[in-house]
Amino acid sequence: MTDASSPLRRPSLPRETALRVRMRRSGELAVKILSNPTTIFGFVIILLMLSMALFAPWLTTPNAPDPYQMPRDWGALRMPPGTPNHPLGTTNTGGDVLYGIIWGSRTSLQLSIIVVSVTVVIGTAIGSIAGMVGGKIDEILMRIVDVFLSIPELIFALAIAAILGPSFTNIILSLCLVFWVKYARIMRAQIILVKQNDYVDAARIMGDSRLNIYFRDILPNAATPVIVQATLDMGAIVLIGATLSFIGLAESGIAEWGVLVSEGQAGIASGRWWASTFPGLMIFLWALAFNLVGDGLRDALDPRTEGR
């Protein structure tokens, strides 16, 4: 018999039943995602990019101590595609375009994963504090977010990277400082919305702690827009990172798509299109793939799109 003075406890499903429910929901979500042809197309592109990044050491034969540094063939400058040992041609400085594309996929993957992981954690934490606590803390945090949001992302990242100096590491740091604010704003809005649901009030009445309510009831139901935004940003971050590299804010000679485009731009007017076209195509495909997958996740996770 339960003591009347003790708080009510939430009834919990047996472990096997809860696992079965999660598996069923995961299966339904997978079916929704895979029923969209454009989402499948995006997944295929991402899988190919990831495979290229993973097997980069076996797909190329680096002759430099640092594989992220483009090896130079000074006897094969501005060679067109189809040249022996250079299937996609070379740049103005003898850099192999195929080598730069393959190792550039690994560079872009590292950039996306690091920036998205850091910004999601920081933005979710700040947005959660603002939404859960409210009051003056919410006001102060959101005014800081408004200041960051008032500056265009590319301009802000450009200014930070220029101040820190030309370095790919500094590009990563600048993007981390720029992208966290959108996650803070999204998470705060979602938490305020989810807090108004009846099941949150029921959990509070049954005596659950504020922290337990946040992790069990609020965060899982508020995370959908953050997941979709993170998927979309996986492509946008590479696009902005390549832009910063293109204008010279990364080390010269690294295997990175923006650097390759920058090295090849001088030859476009002379008909040497390959050094810029192939890495530019990779940037386009990377951004397109994550946008297609992000749209598919949004349609699958958002109940308002059911049957659309």
C-alpha atoms as a PDB file:
ATOM      1  CA  MET A   1       0.000   0.000   0.000  1.00  0.00           C
ATOM      2  CA  THR A   2       1.388   3.385  -1.029  1.00  0.00           C
ATOM      3  CA  ASP A   3       2.036   6.011   1.631  1.00  0.00           C
ATOM      4  CA  ALA A   4      -0.281   8.986   1.053  1.00  0.00           C
ATOM      5  CA  SER A   5       2.545  11.386   1.850  1.00  0.00           C
ATOM      6  CA  SER A   6       4.838   9.994  -0.843  1.00  0.00           C
ATOM      7  CA  PRO A   7       4.650  11.385  -4.377  1.00  0.00           C
ATOM      8  CA  LEU A   8       2.951   9.386  -7.079  1.00  0.00           C
ATOM      9  CA  ARG A   9       5.239   7.368  -9.296  1.00  0.00           C
ATOM     10  CA  ARG A  10       4.871   7.149 -13.049  1.00  0.00           C
ATOM     11  CA  PRO A  11       3.847   3.678 -14.244  1.00  0.00           C
ATOM     12  CA  SER A  12       6.494   2.213 -16.508  1.00  0.00           C
ATOM     13  CA  LEU A  13       6.237  -0.335 -19.281  1.00  0.00           C
ATOM     14  CA  PRO A  14       8.063  -3.648 -18.935  1.00  0.00           C
ATOM     15  CA  ARG A  15      11.485  -3.508 -20.560  1.00  0.00           C
ATOM     16  CA  GLU A  16      10.563  -5.965 -23.337  1.00  0.00           C
ATOM     17  CA  THR A  17       7.354  -4.080 -24.146  1.00  0.00           C
ATOM     18  CA  ALA A  18       9.141  -0.724 -24.262  1.00  0.00           C
ATOM     19  CA  LEU A  19      11.842  -2.195 -26.503  1.00  0.00           C
ATOM     20  CA  ARG A  20       9.201  -3.644 -28.803  1.00  0.00           C
ATOM     21  CA  VAL A  21       7.452  -0.279 -29.051  1.00  0.00           C
ATOM     22  CA  ARG A  22      10.718   1.494 -29.876  1.00  0.00           C
ATOM     23  CA  MET A  23      11.564  -1.079 -32.537  1.00  0.00           C
ATOM     24  CA  ARG A  24       8.135  -0.743 -34.111  1.00  0.00           C
ATOM     25  CA  ARG A  25       8.378   3.029 -34.195  1.00  0.00           C
ATOM     26  CA  SER A  26      11.895   2.857 -35.625  1.00  0.00           C
ATOM     27  CA  GLY A  27      10.660   0.516 -38.340  1.00  0.00           C
ATOM     28  CA  GLU A  28       7.781   2.837 -39.224  1.00  0.00           C
ATOM     29  CA  LEU A  29      10.178   5.795 -39.382  1.00  0.00           C
ATOM     30  CA  ALA A  30      12.577   3.868 -41.643  1.00  0.00           C
ATOM     31  CA  VAL A  31       9.711   2.972 -43.997  1.00  0.00           C
ATOM     32  CA  LYS A  32       8.656   6.620 -44.210  1.00  0.00           C
ATOM     33  CA  ILE A  33      12.188   7.765 -44.955  1.00  0.00           C
ATOM     34  CA  LEU A  34      12.909   5.061 -47.538  1.00  0.00           C
ATOM     35  CA  SER A  35       9.597   5.594 -49.321  1.00  0.00           C
ATOM     36  CA  ASN A  36      10.878   8.948 -50.599  1.00  0.00           C
ATOM     37  CA  PRO A  37      12.954   8.495 -53.799  1.00  0.00           C
ATOM     38  CA  THR A  38      14.782  11.804 -53.431  1.00  0.00           C
ATOM     39  CA  THR A  39      15.800  10.892 -49.882  1.00  0.00           C
ATOM     40  CA  ILE A  40      17.181   7.565 -51.111  1.00  0.00           C
ATOM     41  CA  PHE A  41      19.116   9.422 -53.806  1.00  0.00           C
ATOM     42  CA  GLY A  42      20.604  11.689 -51.137  1.00  0.00           C
ATOM     43  CA  PHE A  43      21.542   8.696 -48.985  1.00  0.00           C
ATOM     44  CA  VAL A  44      23.293   7.049 -51.960  1.00  0.00           C
ATOM     45  CA  ILE A  45      25.389  10.162 -52.604  1.00  0.00           C
ATOM     46  CA  ILE A  46      26.289  10.448 -48.915  1.00  0.00           C
ATOM     47  CA  LEU A  47      27.224   6.768 -48.766  1.00  0.00           C
ATOM     48  CA  LEU A  48      29.520   7.160 -51.780  1.00  0.00           C
ATOM     49  CA  MET A  49      31.120  10.270 -50.253  1.00  0.00           C
ATOM     50  CA  LEU A  50      31.645   8.508 -46.924  1.00  0.00           C
ATOM     51  CA  SER A  51      33.153   5.491 -48.667  1.00  0.00           C
ATOM     52  CA  MET A  52      35.537   7.735 -50.574  1.00  0.00           C
ATOM     53  CA  ALA A  53      36.584   9.480 -47.360  1.00  0.00           C
ATOM     54  CA  LEU A  54      36.968   6.207 -45.457  1.00  0.00           C
ATOM     55  CA  PHE A  55      39.047   4.481 -48.131  1.00  0.00           C
ATOM     56  CA  ALA A  56      41.059   7.548 -49.139  1.00  0.00           C
ATOM     57  CA  PRO A  57      44.427   5.997 -48.104  1.00  0.00           C
ATOM     58  CA  TRP A  58      43.757   3.007 -50.375  1.00  0.00           C
ATOM     59  CA  LEU A  59      42.318   5.007 -53.289  1.00  0.00           C
ATOM     60  CA  THR A  60      45.428   7.182 -53.585  1.00  0.00           C
ATOM     61  CA  THR A  61      49.163   6.731 -53.235  1.00  0.00           C
ATOM     62  CA  PRO A  62      50.355   9.721 -51.218  1.00  0.00           C
ATOM     63  CA  ASN A  63      54.001  10.628 -51.649  1.00  0.00           C
ATOM     64  CA  ALA A  64      54.008  13.291 -48.940  1.00  0.00           C
ATOM     65  CA  PRO A  65      54.468  12.929 -45.155  1.00  0.00           C
ATOM     66  CA  ASP A  66      51.094  14.603 -44.597  1.00  0.00           C
ATOM     67  CA  PRO A  67      48.388  13.023 -46.788  1.00  0.00           C
ATOM     68  CA  TYR A  68      46.209  16.118 -46.354  1.00  0.00           C
ATOM     69  CA  GLN A  69      48.846  18.122 -48.248  1.00  0.00           C
ATOM     70  CA  MET A  70      48.479  17.922 -52.018  1.00  0.00           C
ATOM     71  CA  PRO A  71      51.521  16.282 -53.650  1.00  0.00           C
ATOM     72  CA  ARG A  72      52.943  18.356 -56.515  1.00  0.00           C
ATOM     73  CA  ASP A  73      54.124  17.050 -59.886  1.00  0.00           C
ATOM     74  CA  TRP A  74      56.137  19.987 -61.171  1.00  0.00           C
ATOM     75  CA  GLY A  75      56.661  18.235 -64.488  1.00  0.00           C
ATOM     76  CA  ALA A  76      52.916  17.976 -65.140  1.00  0.00           C
ATOM     77  CA  LEU A  77      51.496  21.482 -64.727  1.00  0.00           C
ATOM     78  CA  ARG A  78      47.993  22.230 -66.045  1.00  0.00           C
ATOM     79  CA  MET A  79      47.566  18.733 -67.483  1.00  0.00           C
ATOM     80  CA  PRO A  80      44.056  17.952 -68.840  1.00  0.00           C
ATOM     81  CA  PRO A  81      41.913  14.984 -67.710  1.00  0.00           C
ATOM     82  CA  GLY A  82      43.093  11.658 -69.054  1.00  0.00           C
ATOM     83  CA  THR A  83      46.765  12.361 -68.494  1.00  0.00           C
ATOM     84  CA  PRO A  84      48.692   9.267 -67.282  1.00  0.00           C
ATOM     85  CA  ASN A  85      48.875   9.239 -63.458  1.00  0.00           C
ATOM     86  CA  HIS A  86      46.437  12.185 -63.383  1.00  0.00           C
ATOM     87  CA  PRO A  87      42.988  10.935 -64.508  1.00  0.00           C
ATOM     88  CA  LEU A  88      41.246  14.246 -63.693  1.00  0.00           C
ATOM     89  CA  GLY A  89      44.152  16.501 -64.634  1.00  0.00           C
ATOM     90  CA  THR A  90      46.335  18.799 -62.558  1.00  0.00           C
ATOM     91  CA  THR A  91      46.184  22.356 -61.232  1.00  0.00           C
ATOM     92  CA  ASN A  92      48.378  25.326 -62.128  1.00  0.00           C
ATOM     93  CA  THR A  93      50.860  24.183 -59.489  1.00  0.00           C
ATOM     94  CA  GLY A  94      50.892  20.491 -60.430  1.00  0.00           C
ATOM     95  CA  GLY A  95      48.438  19.300 -57.807  1.00  0.00           C
ATOM     96  CA  ASP A  96      46.535  16.149 -58.746  1.00  0.00           C
ATOM     97  CA  VAL A  97      42.804  16.951 -58.934  1.00  0.00           C
ATOM     98  CA  LEU A  98      41.706  13.374 -58.194  1.00  0.00           C
ATOM     99  CA  TYR A  99      43.910  13.251 -55.108  1.00  0.00           C
ATOM    100  CA  GLY A 100      42.475  16.561 -53.891  1.00  0.00           C
ATOM    101  CA  ILE A 101      38.898  15.376 -54.435  1.00  0.00           C
ATOM    102  CA  ILE A 102      39.397  12.095 -52.572  1.00  0.00           C
ATOM    103  CA  TRP A 103      41.220  13.543 -49.585  1.00  0.00           C
ATOM    104  CA  GLY A 104      39.013  16.629 -49.734  1.00  0.00           C
ATOM    105  CA  SER A 105      36.025  14.384 -48.989  1.00  0.00           C
ATOM    106  CA  ARG A 106      37.698  13.380 -45.721  1.00  0.00           C
ATOM    107  CA  THR A 107      38.470  17.030 -44.916  1.00  0.00           C
ATOM    108  CA  SER A 108      34.860  18.026 -45.606  1.00  0.00           C
ATOM    109  CA  LEU A 109      33.536  15.143 -43.510  1.00  0.00           C
ATOM    110  CA  GLN A 110      35.694  16.169 -40.560  1.00  0.00           C
ATOM    111  CA  LEU A 111      34.585  19.780 -40.937  1.00  0.00           C
ATOM    112  CA  SER A 112      30.891  18.851 -40.974  1.00  0.00           C
ATOM    113  CA  ILE A 113      31.029  16.385 -38.092  1.00  0.00           C
ATOM    114  CA  ILE A 114      33.085  18.607 -35.788  1.00  0.00           C
ATOM    115  CA  VAL A 115      31.116  21.795 -36.415  1.00  0.00           C
ATOM    116  CA  VAL A 116      27.675  20.158 -36.267  1.00  0.00           C
ATOM    117  CA  SER A 117      28.512  18.156 -33.125  1.00  0.00           C
ATOM    118  CA  VAL A 118      29.911  21.148 -31.237  1.00  0.00           C
ATOM    119  CA  THR A 119      27.186  23.583 -32.284  1.00  0.00           C
ATOM    120  CA  VAL A 120      24.333  21.154 -31.573  1.00  0.00           C
ATOM    121  CA  VAL A 121      25.631  20.463 -28.060  1.00  0.00           C
ATOM    122  CA  ILE A 122      26.241  24.145 -27.255  1.00  0.00           C
ATOM    123  CA  GLY A 123      23.042  25.387 -28.876  1.00  0.00           C
ATOM    124  CA  THR A 124      20.880  22.673 -27.315  1.00  0.00           C
ATOM    125  CA  ALA A 125      22.322  23.333 -23.857  1.00  0.00           C
ATOM    126  CA  ILE A 126      21.822  27.111 -24.046  1.00  0.00           C
ATOM    127  CA  GLY A 127      18.373  26.823 -25.614  1.00  0.00           C
ATOM    128  CA  SER A 128      17.328  24.270 -23.006  1.00  0.00           C
ATOM    129  CA  ILE A 129      18.457  26.504 -20.144  1.00  0.00           C
ATOM    130  CA  ALA A 130      16.605  29.461 -21.615  1.00  0.00           C
ATOM    131  CA  GLY A 131      13.422  27.486 -22.229  1.00  0.00           C
ATOM    132  CA  MET A 132      13.377  25.601 -18.933  1.00  0.00           C
ATOM    133  CA  VAL A 133      14.436  28.388 -16.574  1.00  0.00           C
ATOM    134  CA  GLY A 134      12.861  31.383 -18.282  1.00  0.00           C
ATOM    135  CA  GLY A 135      12.806  34.811 -16.667  1.00  0.00           C
ATOM    136  CA  LYS A 136      15.882  37.032 -16.741  1.00  0.00           C
ATOM    137  CA  ILE A 137      18.203  34.198 -17.737  1.00  0.00           C
ATOM    138  CA  ASP A 138      16.061  33.510 -20.786  1.00  0.00           C
ATOM    139  CA  GLU A 139      16.033  37.221 -21.637  1.00  0.00           C
ATOM    140  CA  ILE A 140      19.816  37.591 -21.369  1.00  0.00           C
ATOM    141  CA  LEU A 141      20.580  34.458 -23.378  1.00  0.00           C
ATOM    142  CA  MET A 142      18.142  35.327 -26.141  1.00  0.00           C
ATOM    143  CA  ARG A 143      19.488  38.878 -26.470  1.00  0.00           C
ATOM    144  CA  ILE A 144      22.956  37.376 -26.978  1.00  0.00           C
ATOM    145  CA  VAL A 145      21.491  35.046 -29.593  1.00  0.00           C
ATOM    146  CA  ASP A 146      19.794  37.993 -31.307  1.00  0.00           C
ATOM    147  CA  VAL A 147      23.135  39.790 -31.587  1.00  0.00           C
ATOM    148  CA  PHE A 148      24.697  36.762 -33.292  1.00  0.00           C
ATOM    149  CA  LEU A 149      21.684  36.266 -35.563  1.00  0.00           C
ATOM    150  CA  SER A 150      21.753  39.894 -36.687  1.00  0.00           C
ATOM    151  CA  ILE A 151      24.993  39.229 -38.609  1.00  0.00           C
ATOM    152  CA  PRO A 152      24.862  37.050 -41.760  1.00  0.00           C
ATOM    153  CA  GLU A 153      26.529  33.686 -41.183  1.00  0.00           C
ATOM    154  CA  LEU A 154      29.026  33.955 -44.034  1.00  0.00           C
ATOM    155  CA  ILE A 155      30.080  37.503 -43.155  1.00  0.00           C
ATOM    156  CA  PHE A 156      30.443  36.637 -39.465  1.00  0.00           C
ATOM    157  CA  ALA A 157      32.468  33.480 -40.176  1.00  0.00           C
ATOM    158  CA  LEU A 158      34.623  35.412 -42.647  1.00  0.00           C
ATOM    159  CA  ALA A 159      35.393  38.104 -40.073  1.00  0.00           C
ATOM    160  CA  ILE A 160      36.280  35.607 -37.324  1.00  0.00           C
ATOM    161  CA  ALA A 161      38.453  33.469 -39.615  1.00  0.00           C
ATOM    162  CA  ALA A 162      40.250  36.542 -40.944  1.00  0.00           C
ATOM    163  CA  ILE A 163      41.007  37.738 -37.404  1.00  0.00           C
ATOM    164  CA  LEU A 164      42.283  34.318 -36.311  1.00  0.00           C
ATOM    165  CA  GLY A 165      44.460  33.907 -39.400  1.00  0.00           C
ATOM    166  CA  PRO A 166      44.594  31.528 -42.404  1.00  0.00           C
ATOM    167  CA  SER A 167      44.118  28.039 -41.030  1.00  0.00           C
ATOM    168  CA  PHE A 168      41.637  25.231 -41.605  1.00  0.00           C
ATOM    169  CA  THR A 169      41.424  24.813 -37.829  1.00  0.00           C
ATOM    170  CA  ASN A 170      40.448  28.468 -37.529  1.00  0.00           C
ATOM    171  CA  ILE A 171      37.755  27.929 -40.154  1.00  0.00           C
ATOM    172  CA  ILE A 172      36.300  25.164 -37.987  1.00  0.00           C
ATOM    173  CA  LEU A 173      36.435  27.413 -34.919  1.00  0.00           C
ATOM    174  CA  SER A 174      34.795  30.318 -36.742  1.00  0.00           C
ATOM    175  CA  LEU A 175      31.938  28.129 -37.958  1.00  0.00           C
ATOM    176  CA  CYS A 176      31.411  26.754 -34.449  1.00  0.00           C
ATOM    177  CA  LEU A 177      31.091  30.318 -33.138  1.00  0.00           C
ATOM    178  CA  VAL A 178      28.555  31.165 -35.835  1.00  0.00           C
ATOM    179  CA  PHE A 179      26.262  28.133 -36.121  1.00  0.00           C
ATOM    180  CA  TRP A 180      25.367  27.421 -32.486  1.00  0.00           C
ATOM    181  CA  VAL A 181      22.864  30.290 -32.223  1.00  0.00           C
ATOM    182  CA  LYS A 182      20.257  28.774 -34.544  1.00  0.00           C
ATOM    183  CA  TYR A 183      20.146  25.599 -32.455  1.00  0.00           C
ATOM    184  CA  ALA A 184      19.721  27.641 -29.289  1.00  0.00           C
ATOM    185  CA  ARG A 185      16.799  29.526 -30.802  1.00  0.00           C
ATOM    186  CA  ILE A 186      15.152  26.374 -32.185  1.00  0.00           C
ATOM    187  CA  MET A 187      15.554  24.386 -28.958  1.00  0.00           C
ATOM    188  CA  ARG A 188      14.218  27.202 -26.777  1.00  0.00           C
ATOM    189  CA  ALA A 189      11.103  27.562 -28.936  1.00  0.00           C
ATOM    190  CA  GLN A 190      10.494  23.817 -28.952  1.00  0.00           C
ATOM    191  CA  ILE A 191      10.920  23.451 -25.199  1.00  0.00           C
ATOM    192  CA  ILE A 192       8.478  26.265 -24.494  1.00  0.00           C
ATOM    193  CA  LEU A 193       6.006  24.552 -26.835  1.00  0.00           C
ATOM    194  CA  VAL A 194       6.456  21.043 -25.418  1.00  0.00           C
ATOM    195  CA  LYS A 195       6.232  22.279 -21.799  1.00  0.00           C
ATOM    196  CA  GLN A 196       2.587  23.170 -22.418  1.00  0.00           C
ATOM    197  CA  ASN A 197       1.561  19.573 -23.146  1.00  0.00           C
ATOM    198  CA  ASP A 198      -0.571  17.643 -20.698  1.00  0.00           C
ATOM    199  CA  TYR A 199       1.885  14.771 -20.291  1.00  0.00           C
ATOM    200  CA  VAL A 200       4.488  17.191 -18.920  1.00  0.00           C
ATOM    201  CA  ASP A 201       1.992  18.467 -16.338  1.00  0.00           C
ATOM    202  CA  ALA A 202       1.087  14.867 -15.493  1.00  0.00           C
ATOM    203  CA  ALA A 203       4.741  13.964 -14.955  1.00  0.00           C
ATOM    204  CA  ARG A 204       5.159  16.981 -12.673  1.00  0.00           C
ATOM    205  CA  ILE A 205       2.071  16.020 -10.650  1.00  0.00           C
ATOM    206  CA  MET A 206       3.379  12.459 -10.240  1.00  0.00           C
ATOM    207  CA  GLY A 207       6.488  13.854  -8.555  1.00  0.00           C
ATOM    208  CA  ASP A 208       9.120  13.583 -11.273  1.00  0.00           C
ATOM    209  CA  SER A 209      12.071  15.896 -10.834  1.00  0.00           C
ATOM    210  CA  ARG A 210      12.592  18.784 -13.231  1.00  0.00           C
ATOM    211  CA  LEU A 211      15.711  17.156 -14.647  1.00  0.00           C
ATOM    212  CA  ASN A 212      13.937  13.843 -15.180  1.00  0.00           C
ATOM    213  CA  ILE A 213      11.019  15.556 -16.910  1.00  0.00           C
ATOM    214  CA  TYR A 214      13.433  17.352 -19.208  1.00  0.00           C
ATOM    215  CA  PHE A 215      15.305  14.224 -20.308  1.00  0.00           C
ATOM    216  CA  ARG A 216      12.321  11.853 -20.467  1.00  0.00           C
ATOM    217  CA  ASP A 217       9.455  14.023 -21.674  1.00  0.00           C
ATOM    218  CA  ILE A 218      10.669  17.329 -23.078  1.00  0.00           C
ATOM    219  CA  LEU A 219      13.999  16.766 -24.846  1.00  0.00           C
ATOM    220  CA  PRO A 220      12.942  13.719 -26.937  1.00  0.00           C
ATOM    221  CA  ASN A 221       9.845  15.553 -28.143  1.00  0.00           C
ATOM    222  CA  ALA A 222      11.690  18.811 -28.822  1.00  0.00           C
ATOM    223  CA  ALA A 223      14.682  17.415 -30.681  1.00  0.00           C
ATOM    224  CA  THR A 224      13.096  16.786 -34.102  1.00  0.00           C
ATOM    225  CA  PRO A 225      13.702  20.268 -35.591  1.00  0.00           C
ATOM    226  CA  VAL A 226      17.275  20.201 -34.267  1.00  0.00           C
ATOM    227  CA  ILE A 227      17.944  16.862 -35.978  1.00  0.00           C
ATOM    228  CA  VAL A 228      16.571  18.164 -39.276  1.00  0.00           C
ATOM    229  CA  GLN A 229      18.536  21.415 -39.013  1.00  0.00           C
ATOM    230  CA  ALA A 230      21.734  19.525 -38.199  1.00  0.00           C
ATOM    231  CA  THR A 231      21.299  17.374 -41.311  1.00  0.00           C
ATOM    232  CA  LEU A 232      20.790  20.451 -43.480  1.00  0.00           C
ATOM    233  CA  ASP A 233      23.810  22.142 -41.897  1.00  0.00           C
ATOM    234  CA  MET A 234      26.039  19.186 -42.773  1.00  0.00           C
ATOM    235  CA  GLY A 235      25.840  20.450 -46.350  1.00  0.00           C
ATOM    236  CA  ALA A 236      25.731  24.174 -45.622  1.00  0.00           C
ATOM    237  CA  ILE A 237      28.851  24.041 -43.444  1.00  0.00           C
ATOM    238  CA  VAL A 238      30.933  22.467 -46.212  1.00  0.00           C
ATOM    239  CA  LEU A 239      29.652  25.102 -48.623  1.00  0.00           C
ATOM    240  CA  ILE A 240      30.632  27.983 -46.332  1.00  0.00           C
ATOM    241  CA  GLY A 241      33.916  26.285 -45.393  1.00  0.00           C
ATOM    242  CA  ALA A 242      34.789  25.908 -49.080  1.00  0.00           C
ATOM    243  CA  THR A 243      33.967  29.593 -49.595  1.00  0.00           C
ATOM    244  CA  LEU A 244      36.353  30.609 -46.819  1.00  0.00           C
ATOM    245  CA  SER A 245      39.038  28.314 -48.219  1.00  0.00           C
ATOM    246  CA  PHE A 246      38.460  29.722 -51.708  1.00  0.00           C
ATOM    247  CA  ILE A 247      39.292  33.265 -50.616  1.00  0.00           C
ATOM    248  CA  GLY A 248      42.501  32.154 -48.923  1.00  0.00           C
ATOM    249  CA  LEU A 249      41.544  31.566 -45.284  1.00  0.00           C
ATOM    250  CA  ALA A 250      42.885  27.981 -45.281  1.00  0.00           C
ATOM    251  CA  GLU A 251      46.465  26.806 -45.603  1.00  0.00           C
ATOM    252  CA  SER A 252      47.715  26.823 -49.164  1.00  0.00           C
ATOM    253  CA  GLY A 253      48.129  23.399 -50.708  1.00  0.00           C
ATOM    254  CA  ILE A 254      45.848  21.354 -48.449  1.00  0.00           C
ATOM    255  CA  ALA A 255      43.557  18.768 -50.002  1.00  0.00           C
ATOM    256  CA  GLU A 256      40.295  20.690 -49.679  1.00  0.00           C
ATOM    257  CA  TRP A 257      37.641  21.346 -52.303  1.00  0.00           C
ATOM    258  CA  GLY A 258      37.537  25.120 -51.835  1.00  0.00           C
ATOM    259  CA  VAL A 259      41.319  25.343 -52.147  1.00  0.00           C
ATOM    260  CA  LEU A 260      41.163  23.293 -55.349  1.00  0.00           C
ATOM    261  CA  VAL A 261      38.533  25.600 -56.833  1.00  0.00           C
ATOM    262  CA  SER A 262      40.679  28.584 -55.904  1.00  0.00           C
ATOM    263  CA  GLU A 263      43.777  27.080 -57.537  1.00  0.00           C
ATOM    264  CA  GLY A 264      41.878  26.332 -60.731  1.00  0.00           C
ATOM    265  CA  GLN A 265      39.984  29.596 -61.162  1.00  0.00           C
ATOM    266  CA  ALA A 266      42.855  31.316 -62.994  1.00  0.00           C
ATOM    267  CA  GLY A 267      42.741  28.736 -65.778  1.00  0.00           C
ATOM    268  CA  ILE A 268      39.007  28.879 -66.512  1.00  0.00           C
ATOM    269  CA  ALA A 269      39.351  31.754 -68.982  1.00  0.00           C
ATOM    270  CA  SER A 270      42.086  29.804 -70.803  1.00  0.00           C
ATOM    271  CA  GLY A 271      39.963  26.669 -71.124  1.00  0.00           C
ATOM    272  CA  ARG A 272      41.499  24.786 -68.185  1.00  0.00           C
ATOM    273  CA  TRP A 273      38.133  24.118 -66.582  1.00  0.00           C
ATOM    274  CA  TRP A 274      38.818  20.798 -64.852  1.00  0.00           C
ATOM    275  CA  ALA A 275      40.706  22.043 -61.773  1.00  0.00           C
ATOM    276  CA  SER A 276      37.669  24.058 -60.636  1.00  0.00           C
ATOM    277  CA  THR A 277      34.811  22.068 -62.138  1.00  0.00           C
ATOM    278  CA  PHE A 278      35.401  18.683 -60.491  1.00  0.00           C
ATOM    279  CA  PRO A 279      35.811  19.947 -56.890  1.00  0.00           C
ATOM    280  CA  GLY A 280      32.947  22.405 -57.453  1.00  0.00           C
ATOM    281  CA  LEU A 281      30.782  19.474 -58.513  1.00  0.00           C
ATOM    282  CA  MET A 282      31.700  17.630 -55.317  1.00  0.00           C
ATOM    283  CA  ILE A 283      30.672  20.619 -53.196  1.00  0.00           C
ATOM    284  CA  PHE A 284      27.372  20.787 -55.077  1.00  0.00           C
ATOM    285  CA  LEU A 285      26.660  17.058 -54.629  1.00  0.00           C
ATOM    286  CA  TRP A 286      27.566  17.158 -50.927  1.00  0.00           C
ATOM    287  CA  ALA A 287      25.205  20.069 -50.223  1.00  0.00           C
ATOM    288  CA  LEU A 288      22.459  18.581 -52.414  1.00  0.00           C
ATOM    289  CA  ALA A 289      22.633  15.168 -50.733  1.00  0.00           C
ATOM    290  CA  PHE A 290      22.262  16.486 -47.199  1.00  0.00           C
ATOM    291  CA  ASN A 291      19.470  18.835 -48.247  1.00  0.00           C
ATOM    292  CA  LEU A 292      17.550  15.924 -49.782  1.00  0.00           C
ATOM    293  CA  VAL A 293      18.067  13.781 -46.682  1.00  0.00           C
ATOM    294  CA  GLY A 294      17.160  16.686 -44.396  1.00  0.00           C
ATOM    295  CA  ASP A 295      13.899  17.258 -46.263  1.00  0.00           C
ATOM    296  CA  GLY A 296      13.106  13.558 -46.060  1.00  0.00           C
ATOM    297  CA  LEU A 297      13.761  13.469 -42.314  1.00  0.00           C
ATOM    298  CA  ARG A 298      11.566  16.521 -41.802  1.00  0.00           C
ATOM    299  CA  ASP A 299       8.694  14.910 -43.695  1.00  0.00           C
ATOM    300  CA  ALA A 300       9.088  11.653 -41.774  1.00  0.00           C
ATOM    301  CA  LEU A 301       9.496  13.155 -38.302  1.00  0.00           C
ATOM    302  CA  ASP A 302       6.913  15.937 -38.547  1.00  0.00           C
ATOM    303  CA  PRO A 303       3.389  14.578 -37.962  1.00  0.00           C
ATOM    304  CA  ARG A 304       1.932  17.617 -39.751  1.00  0.00           C
ATOM    305  CA  THR A 305       3.282  16.245 -43.045  1.00  0.00           C
ATOM    306  CA  GLU A 306       1.464  12.940 -42.625  1.00  0.00           C
ATOM    307  CA  GLY A 307      -0.203  12.026 -45.906  1.00  0.00           C
ATOM    308  CA  ARG A 308       1.068  15.123 -47.711  1.00  0.00           C
END
